[in-house]
N, C-alpha and C. Protein backbone atom coordinates (compact mmCIF):
# COMPACT_ATOMS: atom_id res chain seq x y z
N MET A 1 34.09 23.80 5.03
CA MET A 1 34.13 23.68 6.47
C MET A 1 32.71 23.38 6.96
N GLU A 2 32.59 22.45 7.81
CA GLU A 2 31.29 22.08 8.37
C GLU A 2 31.16 22.62 9.77
N THR A 3 29.96 23.07 10.08
CA THR A 3 29.64 23.59 11.40
C THR A 3 28.53 22.75 11.99
N PRO A 4 28.72 22.24 13.18
CA PRO A 4 27.66 21.44 13.79
C PRO A 4 26.41 22.28 14.05
N LEU A 5 25.27 21.63 13.92
CA LEU A 5 24.00 22.28 14.18
C LEU A 5 23.24 21.41 15.17
N ASN A 6 22.88 21.99 16.26
CA ASN A 6 22.10 21.26 17.26
C ASN A 6 20.69 21.82 17.25
N ASP A 7 19.73 20.94 17.11
CA ASP A 7 18.34 21.36 17.10
C ASP A 7 17.50 20.26 17.71
N ARG A 8 16.32 20.59 18.12
CA ARG A 8 15.41 19.61 18.72
C ARG A 8 14.35 19.25 17.70
N LEU A 9 14.03 17.97 17.65
CA LEU A 9 12.97 17.48 16.76
C LEU A 9 11.87 16.85 17.59
N PRO A 10 10.63 17.05 17.19
CA PRO A 10 9.56 16.30 17.85
C PRO A 10 9.81 14.80 17.64
N SER A 11 9.44 13.99 18.61
CA SER A 11 9.76 12.57 18.55
C SER A 11 9.18 11.88 17.31
N ASP A 12 7.98 12.29 16.87
CA ASP A 12 7.41 11.65 15.69
C ASP A 12 8.23 11.97 14.43
N LEU A 13 8.74 13.21 14.34
CA LEU A 13 9.57 13.58 13.20
C LEU A 13 10.90 12.84 13.23
N LYS A 14 11.47 12.69 14.41
CA LYS A 14 12.73 11.93 14.57
C LYS A 14 12.51 10.48 14.16
N GLN A 15 11.40 9.90 14.53
CA GLN A 15 11.11 8.51 14.14
C GLN A 15 10.98 8.38 12.63
N GLN A 16 10.32 9.34 12.01
CA GLN A 16 10.18 9.32 10.55
C GLN A 16 11.53 9.49 9.87
N LEU A 17 12.36 10.36 10.40
CA LEU A 17 13.70 10.57 9.86
C LEU A 17 14.53 9.30 9.99
N ASP A 18 14.48 8.68 11.13
CA ASP A 18 15.24 7.44 11.34
C ASP A 18 14.75 6.33 10.41
N ALA A 19 13.44 6.23 10.22
CA ALA A 19 12.90 5.21 9.32
C ALA A 19 13.34 5.47 7.88
N LEU A 20 13.31 6.73 7.46
CA LEU A 20 13.76 7.08 6.11
C LEU A 20 15.24 6.79 5.95
N SER A 21 16.00 7.08 6.97
CA SER A 21 17.44 6.83 6.95
C SER A 21 17.71 5.34 6.75
N ARG A 22 17.00 4.51 7.47
CA ARG A 22 17.19 3.06 7.32
C ARG A 22 16.77 2.59 5.93
N ARG A 23 15.62 3.09 5.47
CA ARG A 23 15.09 2.67 4.16
C ARG A 23 16.01 3.05 3.01
N THR A 24 16.60 4.23 3.10
CA THR A 24 17.41 4.74 2.00
C THR A 24 18.91 4.50 2.17
N HIS A 25 19.28 3.94 3.31
CA HIS A 25 20.69 3.68 3.61
C HIS A 25 21.52 4.96 3.53
N ARG A 26 20.92 6.03 4.04
CA ARG A 26 21.60 7.32 4.09
C ARG A 26 21.52 7.82 5.53
N SER A 27 22.50 8.56 5.94
CA SER A 27 22.49 9.05 7.32
C SER A 27 21.41 10.10 7.51
N ALA A 28 20.96 10.21 8.75
CA ALA A 28 19.97 11.23 9.07
C ALA A 28 20.53 12.62 8.78
N SER A 29 21.80 12.83 9.05
CA SER A 29 22.42 14.13 8.77
C SER A 29 22.38 14.45 7.28
N GLU A 30 22.66 13.46 6.46
CA GLU A 30 22.62 13.66 5.01
C GLU A 30 21.21 14.03 4.55
N LEU A 31 20.22 13.35 5.10
CA LEU A 31 18.83 13.63 4.73
C LEU A 31 18.41 15.03 5.17
N VAL A 32 18.82 15.43 6.36
CA VAL A 32 18.49 16.77 6.86
C VAL A 32 19.17 17.83 6.01
N ARG A 33 20.45 17.63 5.65
CA ARG A 33 21.15 18.59 4.80
C ARG A 33 20.45 18.73 3.45
N GLU A 34 20.08 17.59 2.85
CA GLU A 34 19.40 17.62 1.56
C GLU A 34 18.06 18.36 1.66
N SER A 35 17.33 18.07 2.71
CA SER A 35 16.04 18.72 2.91
C SER A 35 16.20 20.23 3.09
N LEU A 36 17.19 20.62 3.85
CA LEU A 36 17.45 22.04 4.08
C LEU A 36 17.86 22.73 2.78
N ARG A 37 18.71 22.08 1.98
CA ARG A 37 19.10 22.65 0.69
C ARG A 37 17.88 22.86 -0.21
N ARG A 38 17.01 21.86 -0.26
CA ARG A 38 15.80 21.98 -1.09
C ARG A 38 14.90 23.09 -0.59
N SER A 39 14.75 23.20 0.70
CA SER A 39 13.90 24.23 1.28
C SER A 39 14.44 25.62 0.97
N ILE A 40 15.74 25.80 1.11
CA ILE A 40 16.36 27.10 0.82
C ILE A 40 16.21 27.42 -0.66
N ALA A 41 16.46 26.45 -1.54
CA ALA A 41 16.31 26.68 -2.98
C ALA A 41 14.88 27.06 -3.32
N SER A 42 13.92 26.38 -2.72
CA SER A 42 12.52 26.68 -2.97
C SER A 42 12.17 28.11 -2.55
N GLU A 43 12.67 28.53 -1.41
CA GLU A 43 12.43 29.90 -0.94
C GLU A 43 13.10 30.92 -1.86
N GLN A 44 14.29 30.60 -2.35
CA GLN A 44 14.98 31.52 -3.25
C GLN A 44 14.22 31.66 -4.57
N ILE A 45 13.73 30.55 -5.10
CA ILE A 45 12.95 30.58 -6.34
C ILE A 45 11.68 31.40 -6.13
N ALA A 46 11.01 31.19 -5.00
CA ALA A 46 9.79 31.94 -4.71
C ALA A 46 10.09 33.44 -4.64
N ALA A 47 11.22 33.80 -4.07
CA ALA A 47 11.59 35.22 -3.95
C ALA A 47 11.84 35.82 -5.34
N VAL A 48 12.51 35.08 -6.21
CA VAL A 48 12.78 35.57 -7.57
C VAL A 48 11.47 35.72 -8.34
N ARG A 49 10.60 34.72 -8.20
CA ARG A 49 9.30 34.80 -8.88
C ARG A 49 8.51 36.03 -8.42
N LYS A 50 8.51 36.28 -7.12
CA LYS A 50 7.78 37.42 -6.58
C LYS A 50 8.36 38.73 -7.11
N MET A 51 9.68 38.78 -7.20
CA MET A 51 10.35 39.99 -7.65
C MET A 51 10.11 40.24 -9.16
N THR A 52 10.06 39.19 -9.95
CA THR A 52 9.93 39.35 -11.40
C THR A 52 8.49 39.31 -11.90
N LYS A 53 7.55 38.96 -11.03
CA LYS A 53 6.16 38.83 -11.44
C LYS A 53 5.59 40.09 -12.08
N PRO A 54 5.77 41.26 -11.52
CA PRO A 54 5.20 42.46 -12.16
C PRO A 54 5.72 42.68 -13.58
N LEU A 55 7.00 42.48 -13.80
CA LEU A 55 7.58 42.65 -15.13
C LEU A 55 7.04 41.59 -16.09
N ALA A 56 6.95 40.36 -15.63
CA ALA A 56 6.43 39.28 -16.48
C ALA A 56 4.99 39.56 -16.86
N GLU A 57 4.17 39.95 -15.90
CA GLU A 57 2.77 40.25 -16.19
C GLU A 57 2.63 41.42 -17.15
N ALA A 58 3.50 42.41 -17.02
CA ALA A 58 3.47 43.57 -17.92
C ALA A 58 3.77 43.16 -19.37
N HIS A 59 4.49 42.04 -19.52
CA HIS A 59 4.82 41.54 -20.85
C HIS A 59 3.89 40.41 -21.28
N GLY A 60 2.82 40.19 -20.55
CA GLY A 60 1.81 39.22 -20.95
C GLY A 60 2.04 37.79 -20.47
N PHE A 61 3.00 37.61 -19.60
CA PHE A 61 3.25 36.27 -19.05
C PHE A 61 2.48 36.16 -17.74
N LEU A 62 1.32 35.49 -17.81
CA LEU A 62 0.46 35.39 -16.63
C LEU A 62 0.55 34.04 -15.95
N THR A 63 0.95 33.00 -16.69
CA THR A 63 1.04 31.65 -16.13
C THR A 63 2.36 31.02 -16.53
N ASP A 64 2.70 29.92 -15.86
CA ASP A 64 3.89 29.17 -16.24
C ASP A 64 3.76 28.68 -17.68
N GLU A 65 2.54 28.32 -18.07
CA GLU A 65 2.30 27.83 -19.43
C GLU A 65 2.65 28.92 -20.46
N ASP A 66 2.34 30.16 -20.15
CA ASP A 66 2.70 31.26 -21.05
C ASP A 66 4.22 31.30 -21.27
N ILE A 67 4.96 31.11 -20.21
CA ILE A 67 6.43 31.14 -20.29
C ILE A 67 6.93 29.93 -21.07
N PHE A 68 6.39 28.74 -20.78
CA PHE A 68 6.82 27.54 -21.50
C PHE A 68 6.56 27.66 -22.99
N LYS A 69 5.44 28.24 -23.36
CA LYS A 69 5.11 28.43 -24.78
C LYS A 69 6.12 29.37 -25.43
N ALA A 70 6.50 30.41 -24.72
CA ALA A 70 7.43 31.41 -25.27
C ALA A 70 8.83 30.86 -25.47
N VAL A 71 9.25 29.96 -24.61
CA VAL A 71 10.62 29.44 -24.72
C VAL A 71 10.71 28.12 -25.47
N SER A 72 9.58 27.55 -25.84
CA SER A 72 9.60 26.27 -26.56
C SER A 72 9.70 26.46 -28.05
């Protein structure tokens, strides 16, 4: 089920959105939905990282490289 969302955009952002829409042959709504999905996913990943950081550091994982080495 889709729910309409009404929001205001600064005119420069609207112009950039419209230009991207034309360039990519995708609707502005599709681009906004995709951007929102990415933003939410990024925030969720950041929250998980923050929550697991103390445990990871306690086990010697201080950087992303440490984790990549362990799983490779």
